[in-house]
Amino acid sequence: MCFLLKVRADRAEEYRERHRHVWPAMLDALSAAGWHNYSLFLREDGLLVGYLETPDFERARAAMAATGVNARWQAEMAGFFEEIDGRAPDAAMRPLTEVFHLD
């Protein structure tokens, strides 16, 4: 699963800093919900590309939505993003379609 979001360029450094110190409870919740090999890449203009592996993304996203730690994290992170129209960042992810893969 690969997705895009847009971080406000003026908050990009703070966004990076927050991700240097992700709460242990959030890390545990992601793993328990089936998010594996999860990476975020941030371009200087704020383009955020996320990548994760999971057998069922909708189930993994729903499992995270059911946790209190995710609700707190999403509320704290919402102000970092553009174009999410009042949605939590994890609900505003724009999934990308894979068009090529090399093993």
Protein backbone atom coordinates (compact mmCIF):
# COMPACT_ATOMS: atom_id res chain seq x y z
CA MET A 1 0.00 0.00 0.00
CA CYS A 2 1.35 3.40 -0.97
CA PHE A 3 -0.36 6.72 -0.28
CA LEU A 4 0.08 10.48 -0.54
CA LEU A 5 -0.63 13.33 1.85
CA LYS A 6 0.53 16.96 1.87
CA VAL A 7 2.31 18.35 4.93
CA ARG A 8 2.34 22.12 5.36
CA ALA A 9 5.82 23.12 4.18
CA ASP A 10 6.21 25.56 7.09
CA ARG A 11 5.68 22.67 9.54
CA ALA A 12 7.77 20.02 7.78
CA GLU A 13 10.66 20.12 10.25
CA GLU A 14 8.32 19.82 13.23
CA TYR A 15 6.59 16.91 11.47
CA ARG A 16 9.96 15.18 11.06
CA GLU A 17 10.75 15.78 14.73
CA ARG A 18 7.43 14.30 15.87
CA HIS A 19 8.23 11.16 13.90
CA ARG A 20 11.60 10.81 15.57
CA HIS A 21 9.64 10.28 18.80
CA VAL A 22 6.51 8.31 17.88
CA TRP A 23 4.79 7.14 21.05
CA PRO A 24 5.58 3.52 21.95
CA ALA A 25 1.83 2.83 22.35
CA MET A 26 1.27 4.08 18.79
CA LEU A 27 4.03 1.83 17.45
CA ASP A 28 2.53 -1.14 19.30
CA ALA A 29 -0.96 -0.36 17.96
CA LEU A 30 0.29 -0.14 14.37
CA SER A 31 2.02 -3.50 14.63
CA ALA A 32 -0.98 -5.14 16.32
CA ALA A 33 -3.29 -3.78 13.60
CA GLY A 34 -1.20 -5.35 10.85
CA TRP A 35 0.85 -2.39 9.59
CA HIS A 36 4.26 -3.80 8.64
CA ASN A 37 7.32 -2.41 6.89
CA TYR A 38 5.78 1.06 7.27
CA SER A 39 7.77 4.05 5.99
CA LEU A 40 7.08 7.74 5.44
CA PHE A 41 9.06 9.88 2.99
CA LEU A 42 8.80 13.68 3.06
CA ARG A 43 9.87 15.99 0.25
CA GLU A 44 10.95 19.56 1.05
CA ASP A 45 7.75 21.02 -0.39
CA GLY A 46 5.67 18.88 1.98
CA LEU A 47 4.71 16.00 -0.30
CA LEU A 48 4.44 12.96 1.98
CA VAL A 49 4.63 9.44 0.54
CA GLY A 50 3.74 6.56 2.82
CA TYR A 51 4.37 2.89 2.21
CA LEU A 52 3.24 -0.10 4.24
CA GLU A 53 2.67 -3.80 3.82
CA THR A 54 -0.47 -5.51 5.09
CA PRO A 55 -2.66 -8.32 3.80
CA ASP A 56 -5.82 -6.19 4.10
CA PHE A 57 -5.42 -2.40 4.22
CA GLU A 58 -9.05 -1.62 5.02
CA ARG A 59 -9.00 -4.08 7.93
CA ALA A 60 -5.67 -2.67 9.18
CA ARG A 61 -6.99 0.90 8.92
CA ALA A 62 -10.22 -0.07 10.75
CA ALA A 63 -8.22 -1.76 13.51
CA MET A 64 -6.23 1.44 14.02
CA ALA A 65 -9.40 3.56 13.97
CA ALA A 66 -10.69 1.49 16.89
CA THR A 67 -7.77 2.44 19.15
CA GLY A 68 -7.70 5.39 21.50
CA VAL A 69 -4.01 6.02 20.89
CA ASN A 70 -4.67 6.47 17.17
CA ALA A 71 -7.45 8.99 17.86
CA ARG A 72 -5.09 11.02 20.06
CA TRP A 73 -2.24 10.82 17.51
CA GLN A 74 -4.48 11.82 14.58
CA ALA A 75 -5.88 14.77 16.55
CA GLU A 76 -2.37 16.01 17.34
CA MET A 77 -1.13 15.55 13.77
CA ALA A 78 -4.13 17.01 11.88
CA GLY A 79 -2.73 20.55 11.95
CA PHE A 80 0.33 19.49 9.98
CA PHE A 81 -1.62 18.66 6.81
CA GLU A 82 -3.10 20.51 3.86
CA GLU A 83 -6.23 19.44 2.00
CA ILE A 84 -7.68 17.00 4.52
CA ASP A 85 -10.99 18.88 4.76
CA GLY A 86 -11.63 18.22 8.44
CA ARG A 87 -10.83 14.51 8.20
CA ALA A 88 -8.18 12.79 10.29
CA PRO A 89 -4.93 12.35 8.36
CA ASP A 90 -5.32 8.58 8.21
CA ALA A 91 -8.79 9.00 6.67
CA ALA A 92 -7.45 11.48 4.09
CA MET A 93 -4.76 9.19 2.66
CA ARG A 94 -4.89 9.09 -1.12
CA PRO A 95 -3.94 5.51 -2.11
CA LEU A 96 -1.79 5.03 -5.19
CA THR A 97 -2.21 2.19 -7.68
CA GLU A 98 0.85 0.07 -8.29
CA VAL A 99 1.75 -0.01 -11.98
CA PHE A 100 5.10 -1.85 -11.79
CA HIS A 101 6.94 -4.07 -9.31
CA LEU A 102 10.40 -5.66 -9.47
CA ASP A 103 11.35 -8.38 -6.98
